[in-house]
Amino acid sequence: MDDVDGLLLKIGCSKSALILSLIRHLDGVDLTGRLSLSNQFVTELLDYSPHILAANTSSAATRSKLLRLLFTLALYNVSIRRYLCGDLHLCGPVFECLKLSLKEQLGPQNLIDILRLLQVLTYERCLVLGLWTNDLISFLMGEITREVEVEWMPYCMAILCNLARRSKSVCGRIKKSVRFPLH
């Protein structure tokens, strides 16, 4: 900080304590401008997100906006993505949002937003598989084996591929979830 003190003396700044505290604060900011898990506010938002997504009082609009925000954060920030899927086990609450979206008939774009987030989260090796996994696999297999191709099918395929590369047991679950007709 000697360079900073010298600079402050050169410009004749009288509020050096304030500027020093701001510089120290900015010193903790990632130089790329990315949000960081070391930021208390970011961590608090992420920690509350599973509860917001799972709350019965959360409106569809609130869930939708939060899902899109989480997708953007997870897509571009690996540490946040790993935190969401590994530490927070976010895939379970996101899958619950998928079921709510279908129940409330929120439309294809909402479904695509949810599937995009699941695709990004299931990419990580630190993903913790849970009870939701079997139901998700069944849903995805039902979507990709439809007679008519739906616009969200690529996301379903990507999620299945992400899950399949996890382990042989997941591959077995996928195989058992639907019987392929032999011609």
C-alpha atoms as a PDB file:
ATOM      1  CA  MET A   1       0.000   0.000   0.000  1.00  0.00           C
ATOM      2  CA  ASP A   2       3.035   2.317  -0.044  1.00  0.00           C
ATOM      3  CA  ASP A   3       2.351   3.080  -3.705  1.00  0.00           C
ATOM      4  CA  VAL A   4      -1.222   4.023  -2.851  1.00  0.00           C
ATOM      5  CA  ASP A   5      -0.116   6.295   0.005  1.00  0.00           C
ATOM      6  CA  GLY A   6       2.380   7.999  -2.309  1.00  0.00           C
ATOM      7  CA  LEU A   7      -0.276   8.500  -4.954  1.00  0.00           C
ATOM      8  CA  LEU A   8      -2.669   9.998  -2.409  1.00  0.00           C
ATOM      9  CA  LEU A   9       0.021  12.451  -1.263  1.00  0.00           C
ATOM     10  CA  LYS A  10       0.762  13.486  -4.861  1.00  0.00           C
ATOM     11  CA  ILE A  11      -2.850  14.276  -5.645  1.00  0.00           C
ATOM     12  CA  GLY A  12      -3.396  15.910  -2.258  1.00  0.00           C
ATOM     13  CA  CYS A  13      -6.344  13.767  -1.269  1.00  0.00           C
ATOM     14  CA  SER A  14      -7.728  14.540   2.177  1.00  0.00           C
ATOM     15  CA  LYS A  15      -9.979  11.485   2.337  1.00  0.00           C
ATOM     16  CA  SER A  16      -7.185   8.935   2.248  1.00  0.00           C
ATOM     17  CA  ALA A  17      -8.798   6.628   4.846  1.00  0.00           C
ATOM     18  CA  LEU A  18     -11.952   6.348   2.752  1.00  0.00           C
ATOM     19  CA  ILE A  19     -10.033   5.754  -0.450  1.00  0.00           C
ATOM     20  CA  LEU A  20      -7.814   3.171   1.239  1.00  0.00           C
ATOM     21  CA  SER A  21     -10.852   1.263   2.462  1.00  0.00           C
ATOM     22  CA  LEU A  22     -12.365   1.355  -1.039  1.00  0.00           C
ATOM     23  CA  ILE A  23      -9.121   0.118  -2.564  1.00  0.00           C
ATOM     24  CA  ARG A  24      -8.937  -2.708  -0.033  1.00  0.00           C
ATOM     25  CA  HIS A  25     -12.538  -3.614  -0.838  1.00  0.00           C
ATOM     26  CA  LEU A  26     -11.853  -3.591  -4.581  1.00  0.00           C
ATOM     27  CA  ASP A  27      -8.732  -5.648  -4.053  1.00  0.00           C
ATOM     28  CA  GLY A  28     -11.032  -8.582  -3.221  1.00  0.00           C
ATOM     29  CA  VAL A  29     -12.995  -8.253  -6.475  1.00  0.00           C
ATOM     30  CA  ASP A  30     -12.165 -10.726  -9.212  1.00  0.00           C
ATOM     31  CA  LEU A  31     -10.275  -8.869 -11.937  1.00  0.00           C
ATOM     32  CA  THR A  32     -12.438 -10.414 -14.640  1.00  0.00           C
ATOM     33  CA  GLY A  33     -15.520  -8.810 -13.111  1.00  0.00           C
ATOM     34  CA  ARG A  34     -17.033 -12.162 -12.219  1.00  0.00           C
ATOM     35  CA  LEU A  35     -19.106 -12.698  -9.165  1.00  0.00           C
ATOM     36  CA  SER A  36     -17.302 -14.674  -6.528  1.00  0.00           C
ATOM     37  CA  LEU A  37     -18.338 -17.013  -3.749  1.00  0.00           C
ATOM     38  CA  SER A  38     -16.178 -14.930  -1.420  1.00  0.00           C
ATOM     39  CA  ASN A  39     -18.759 -12.154  -1.747  1.00  0.00           C
ATOM     40  CA  GLN A  40     -21.193 -12.479   1.149  1.00  0.00           C
ATOM     41  CA  PHE A  41     -24.172 -11.154  -0.823  1.00  0.00           C
ATOM     42  CA  VAL A  42     -23.659 -13.574  -3.708  1.00  0.00           C
ATOM     43  CA  THR A  43     -23.364 -16.502  -1.306  1.00  0.00           C
ATOM     44  CA  GLU A  44     -26.489 -15.430   0.588  1.00  0.00           C
ATOM     45  CA  LEU A  45     -28.495 -15.191  -2.633  1.00  0.00           C
ATOM     46  CA  LEU A  46     -27.304 -18.601  -3.764  1.00  0.00           C
ATOM     47  CA  ASP A  47     -27.958 -20.139  -0.334  1.00  0.00           C
ATOM     48  CA  TYR A  48     -31.549 -18.880  -0.354  1.00  0.00           C
ATOM     49  CA  SER A  49     -32.269 -19.958  -3.930  1.00  0.00           C
ATOM     50  CA  PRO A  50     -33.231 -23.612  -3.165  1.00  0.00           C
ATOM     51  CA  HIS A  51     -35.657 -22.354  -0.518  1.00  0.00           C
ATOM     52  CA  ILE A  52     -37.156 -19.748  -2.852  1.00  0.00           C
ATOM     53  CA  LEU A  53     -37.578 -22.319  -5.620  1.00  0.00           C
ATOM     54  CA  ALA A  54     -39.190 -24.841  -3.267  1.00  0.00           C
ATOM     55  CA  ALA A  55     -41.454 -22.414  -1.393  1.00  0.00           C
ATOM     56  CA  ASN A  56     -45.176 -22.782  -2.021  1.00  0.00           C
ATOM     57  CA  THR A  57     -45.499 -19.007  -1.754  1.00  0.00           C
ATOM     58  CA  SER A  58     -43.064 -18.283  -4.602  1.00  0.00           C
ATOM     59  CA  SER A  59     -44.908 -17.114  -7.687  1.00  0.00           C
ATOM     60  CA  ALA A  60     -44.241 -18.613 -11.099  1.00  0.00           C
ATOM     61  CA  ALA A  61     -42.739 -15.300 -12.229  1.00  0.00           C
ATOM     62  CA  THR A  62     -40.335 -15.219  -9.268  1.00  0.00           C
ATOM     63  CA  ARG A  63     -39.247 -18.808  -9.869  1.00  0.00           C
ATOM     64  CA  SER A  64     -38.799 -18.139 -13.576  1.00  0.00           C
ATOM     65  CA  LYS A  65     -36.635 -15.054 -13.033  1.00  0.00           C
ATOM     66  CA  LEU A  66     -34.528 -16.813 -10.418  1.00  0.00           C
ATOM     67  CA  LEU A  67     -34.049 -19.840 -12.685  1.00  0.00           C
ATOM     68  CA  ARG A  68     -32.845 -17.617 -15.536  1.00  0.00           C
ATOM     69  CA  LEU A  69     -30.465 -15.774 -13.198  1.00  0.00           C
ATOM     70  CA  LEU A  70     -29.077 -19.038 -11.845  1.00  0.00           C
ATOM     71  CA  PHE A  71     -28.628 -20.349 -15.396  1.00  0.00           C
ATOM     72  CA  THR A  72     -26.626 -17.287 -16.401  1.00  0.00           C
ATOM     73  CA  LEU A  73     -24.480 -17.481 -13.276  1.00  0.00           C
ATOM     74  CA  ALA A  74     -23.900 -21.225 -13.627  1.00  0.00           C
ATOM     75  CA  LEU A  75     -23.156 -21.092 -17.335  1.00  0.00           C
ATOM     76  CA  TYR A  76     -20.400 -18.509 -17.084  1.00  0.00           C
ATOM     77  CA  ASN A  77     -18.959 -19.139 -13.606  1.00  0.00           C
ATOM     78  CA  VAL A  78     -17.571 -22.599 -12.891  1.00  0.00           C
ATOM     79  CA  SER A  79     -17.073 -22.064  -9.152  1.00  0.00           C
ATOM     80  CA  ILE A  80     -20.678 -20.932  -8.744  1.00  0.00           C
ATOM     81  CA  ARG A  81     -21.897 -23.841 -10.896  1.00  0.00           C
ATOM     82  CA  ARG A  82     -20.006 -26.331  -8.735  1.00  0.00           C
ATOM     83  CA  TYR A  83     -21.330 -24.690  -5.586  1.00  0.00           C
ATOM     84  CA  LEU A  84     -24.918 -24.868  -6.861  1.00  0.00           C
ATOM     85  CA  CYS A  85     -24.844 -28.517  -7.848  1.00  0.00           C
ATOM     86  CA  GLY A  86     -22.366 -29.890  -5.302  1.00  0.00           C
ATOM     87  CA  ASP A  87     -22.898 -27.961  -2.086  1.00  0.00           C
ATOM     88  CA  LEU A  88     -26.471 -26.733  -2.477  1.00  0.00           C
ATOM     89  CA  HIS A  89     -27.833 -29.821  -4.279  1.00  0.00           C
ATOM     90  CA  LEU A  90     -29.859 -27.458  -6.462  1.00  0.00           C
ATOM     91  CA  CYS A  91     -30.919 -30.058  -9.040  1.00  0.00           C
ATOM     92  CA  GLY A  92     -33.602 -31.428  -6.714  1.00  0.00           C
ATOM     93  CA  PRO A  93     -35.389 -28.074  -6.241  1.00  0.00           C
ATOM     94  CA  VAL A  94     -34.962 -27.271  -9.951  1.00  0.00           C
ATOM     95  CA  PHE A  95     -36.582 -30.596 -10.845  1.00  0.00           C
ATOM     96  CA  GLU A  96     -39.456 -29.718  -8.493  1.00  0.00           C
ATOM     97  CA  CYS A  97     -39.827 -26.473 -10.484  1.00  0.00           C
ATOM     98  CA  LEU A  98     -40.001 -28.575 -13.634  1.00  0.00           C
ATOM     99  CA  LYS A  99     -42.863 -30.600 -12.177  1.00  0.00           C
ATOM    100  CA  LEU A 100     -44.620 -27.400 -11.067  1.00  0.00           C
ATOM    101  CA  SER A 101     -44.155 -25.905 -14.521  1.00  0.00           C
ATOM    102  CA  LEU A 102     -45.844 -28.913 -16.086  1.00  0.00           C
ATOM    103  CA  LYS A 103     -48.624 -28.902 -13.501  1.00  0.00           C
ATOM    104  CA  GLU A 104     -49.269 -25.161 -13.862  1.00  0.00           C
ATOM    105  CA  GLN A 105     -48.853 -25.352 -17.663  1.00  0.00           C
ATOM    106  CA  LEU A 106     -46.413 -22.439 -17.755  1.00  0.00           C
ATOM    107  CA  GLY A 107     -45.496 -23.001 -21.369  1.00  0.00           C
ATOM    108  CA  PRO A 108     -42.587 -24.237 -23.427  1.00  0.00           C
ATOM    109  CA  GLN A 109     -40.221 -21.328 -22.732  1.00  0.00           C
ATOM    110  CA  ASN A 110     -40.439 -21.880 -18.980  1.00  0.00           C
ATOM    111  CA  LEU A 111     -39.780 -25.576 -19.512  1.00  0.00           C
ATOM    112  CA  ILE A 112     -36.779 -24.785 -21.721  1.00  0.00           C
ATOM    113  CA  ASP A 113     -35.377 -22.371 -19.105  1.00  0.00           C
ATOM    114  CA  ILE A 114     -35.572 -25.092 -16.455  1.00  0.00           C
ATOM    115  CA  LEU A 115     -34.032 -27.732 -18.719  1.00  0.00           C
ATOM    116  CA  ARG A 116     -31.184 -25.377 -19.679  1.00  0.00           C
ATOM    117  CA  LEU A 117     -30.314 -24.904 -16.006  1.00  0.00           C
ATOM    118  CA  LEU A 118     -30.484 -28.660 -15.406  1.00  0.00           C
ATOM    119  CA  GLN A 119     -28.240 -29.213 -18.423  1.00  0.00           C
ATOM    120  CA  VAL A 120     -25.586 -26.862 -17.040  1.00  0.00           C
ATOM    121  CA  LEU A 121     -25.788 -28.273 -13.511  1.00  0.00           C
ATOM    122  CA  THR A 122     -25.687 -31.938 -14.554  1.00  0.00           C
ATOM    123  CA  TYR A 123     -22.476 -31.268 -16.483  1.00  0.00           C
ATOM    124  CA  GLU A 124     -20.458 -31.104 -13.249  1.00  0.00           C
ATOM    125  CA  ARG A 125     -18.855 -34.205 -11.740  1.00  0.00           C
ATOM    126  CA  CYS A 126     -19.595 -32.915  -8.224  1.00  0.00           C
ATOM    127  CA  LEU A 127     -23.317 -33.300  -8.890  1.00  0.00           C
ATOM    128  CA  VAL A 128     -25.002 -35.191  -6.073  1.00  0.00           C
ATOM    129  CA  LEU A 129     -27.585 -37.595  -7.445  1.00  0.00           C
ATOM    130  CA  GLY A 130     -30.741 -37.920  -5.407  1.00  0.00           C
ATOM    131  CA  LEU A 131     -34.236 -39.309  -5.423  1.00  0.00           C
ATOM    132  CA  TRP A 132     -35.114 -36.798  -8.130  1.00  0.00           C
ATOM    133  CA  THR A 133     -32.746 -38.510 -10.596  1.00  0.00           C
ATOM    134  CA  ASN A 134     -34.991 -41.484 -11.432  1.00  0.00           C
ATOM    135  CA  ASP A 135     -38.019 -39.253 -11.980  1.00  0.00           C
ATOM    136  CA  LEU A 136     -35.975 -36.888 -14.130  1.00  0.00           C
ATOM    137  CA  ILE A 137     -34.667 -39.767 -16.246  1.00  0.00           C
ATOM    138  CA  SER A 138     -38.209 -41.076 -16.740  1.00  0.00           C
ATOM    139  CA  PHE A 139     -39.430 -37.620 -17.759  1.00  0.00           C
ATOM    140  CA  LEU A 140     -36.530 -37.097 -20.177  1.00  0.00           C
ATOM    141  CA  MET A 141     -36.934 -40.518 -21.777  1.00  0.00           C
ATOM    142  CA  GLY A 142     -40.637 -39.853 -22.229  1.00  0.00           C
ATOM    143  CA  GLU A 143     -39.854 -36.574 -23.972  1.00  0.00           C
ATOM    144  CA  ILE A 144     -37.250 -37.943 -26.370  1.00  0.00           C
ATOM    145  CA  THR A 145     -39.347 -40.958 -27.368  1.00  0.00           C
ATOM    146  CA  ARG A 146     -42.390 -38.891 -28.357  1.00  0.00           C
ATOM    147  CA  GLU A 147     -43.767 -39.335 -31.840  1.00  0.00           C
ATOM    148  CA  VAL A 148     -43.616 -35.596 -32.450  1.00  0.00           C
ATOM    149  CA  GLU A 149     -40.288 -33.917 -31.779  1.00  0.00           C
ATOM    150  CA  VAL A 150     -40.636 -31.112 -29.236  1.00  0.00           C
ATOM    151  CA  GLU A 151     -38.486 -27.994 -29.247  1.00  0.00           C
ATOM    152  CA  TRP A 152     -36.904 -28.856 -25.881  1.00  0.00           C
ATOM    153  CA  MET A 153     -35.728 -32.311 -26.974  1.00  0.00           C
ATOM    154  CA  PRO A 154     -32.061 -31.229 -27.437  1.00  0.00           C
ATOM    155  CA  TYR A 155     -31.931 -30.146 -23.787  1.00  0.00           C
ATOM    156  CA  CYS A 156     -33.434 -33.475 -22.713  1.00  0.00           C
ATOM    157  CA  MET A 157     -30.793 -35.354 -24.714  1.00  0.00           C
ATOM    158  CA  ALA A 158     -27.975 -33.233 -23.294  1.00  0.00           C
ATOM    159  CA  ILE A 159     -29.112 -33.835 -19.713  1.00  0.00           C
ATOM    160  CA  LEU A 160     -29.344 -37.578 -20.346  1.00  0.00           C
ATOM    161  CA  CYS A 161     -25.836 -37.577 -21.818  1.00  0.00           C
ATOM    162  CA  ASN A 162     -24.518 -35.649 -18.820  1.00  0.00           C
ATOM    163  CA  LEU A 163     -26.144 -38.109 -16.435  1.00  0.00           C
ATOM    164  CA  ALA A 164     -25.044 -41.159 -18.455  1.00  0.00           C
ATOM    165  CA  ARG A 165     -21.391 -40.193 -18.319  1.00  0.00           C
ATOM    166  CA  ARG A 166     -21.621 -40.173 -14.526  1.00  0.00           C
ATOM    167  CA  SER A 167     -21.632 -43.909 -13.937  1.00  0.00           C
ATOM    168  CA  LYS A 168     -22.795 -47.318 -15.081  1.00  0.00           C
ATOM    169  CA  SER A 169     -25.617 -47.257 -12.546  1.00  0.00           C
ATOM    170  CA  VAL A 170     -27.069 -44.131 -14.153  1.00  0.00           C
ATOM    171  CA  CYS A 171     -26.778 -45.805 -17.564  1.00  0.00           C
ATOM    172  CA  GLY A 172     -28.654 -48.772 -16.099  1.00  0.00           C
ATOM    173  CA  ARG A 173     -31.376 -46.469 -14.793  1.00  0.00           C
ATOM    174  CA  ILE A 174     -31.734 -44.910 -18.236  1.00  0.00           C
ATOM    175  CA  LYS A 175     -31.929 -48.345 -19.841  1.00  0.00           C
ATOM    176  CA  LYS A 176     -34.582 -49.530 -17.362  1.00  0.00           C
ATOM    177  CA  SER A 177     -36.680 -46.375 -17.600  1.00  0.00           C
ATOM    178  CA  VAL A 178     -38.069 -47.185 -21.039  1.00  0.00           C
ATOM    179  CA  ARG A 179     -38.316 -50.274 -23.176  1.00  0.00           C
ATOM    180  CA  PHE A 180     -37.210 -49.730 -26.739  1.00  0.00           C
ATOM    181  CA  PRO A 181     -39.424 -51.513 -29.282  1.00  0.00           C
ATOM    182  CA  LEU A 182     -37.667 -54.025 -31.491  1.00  0.00           C
ATOM    183  CA  HIS A 183     -38.741 -53.962 -35.124  1.00  0.00           C
END
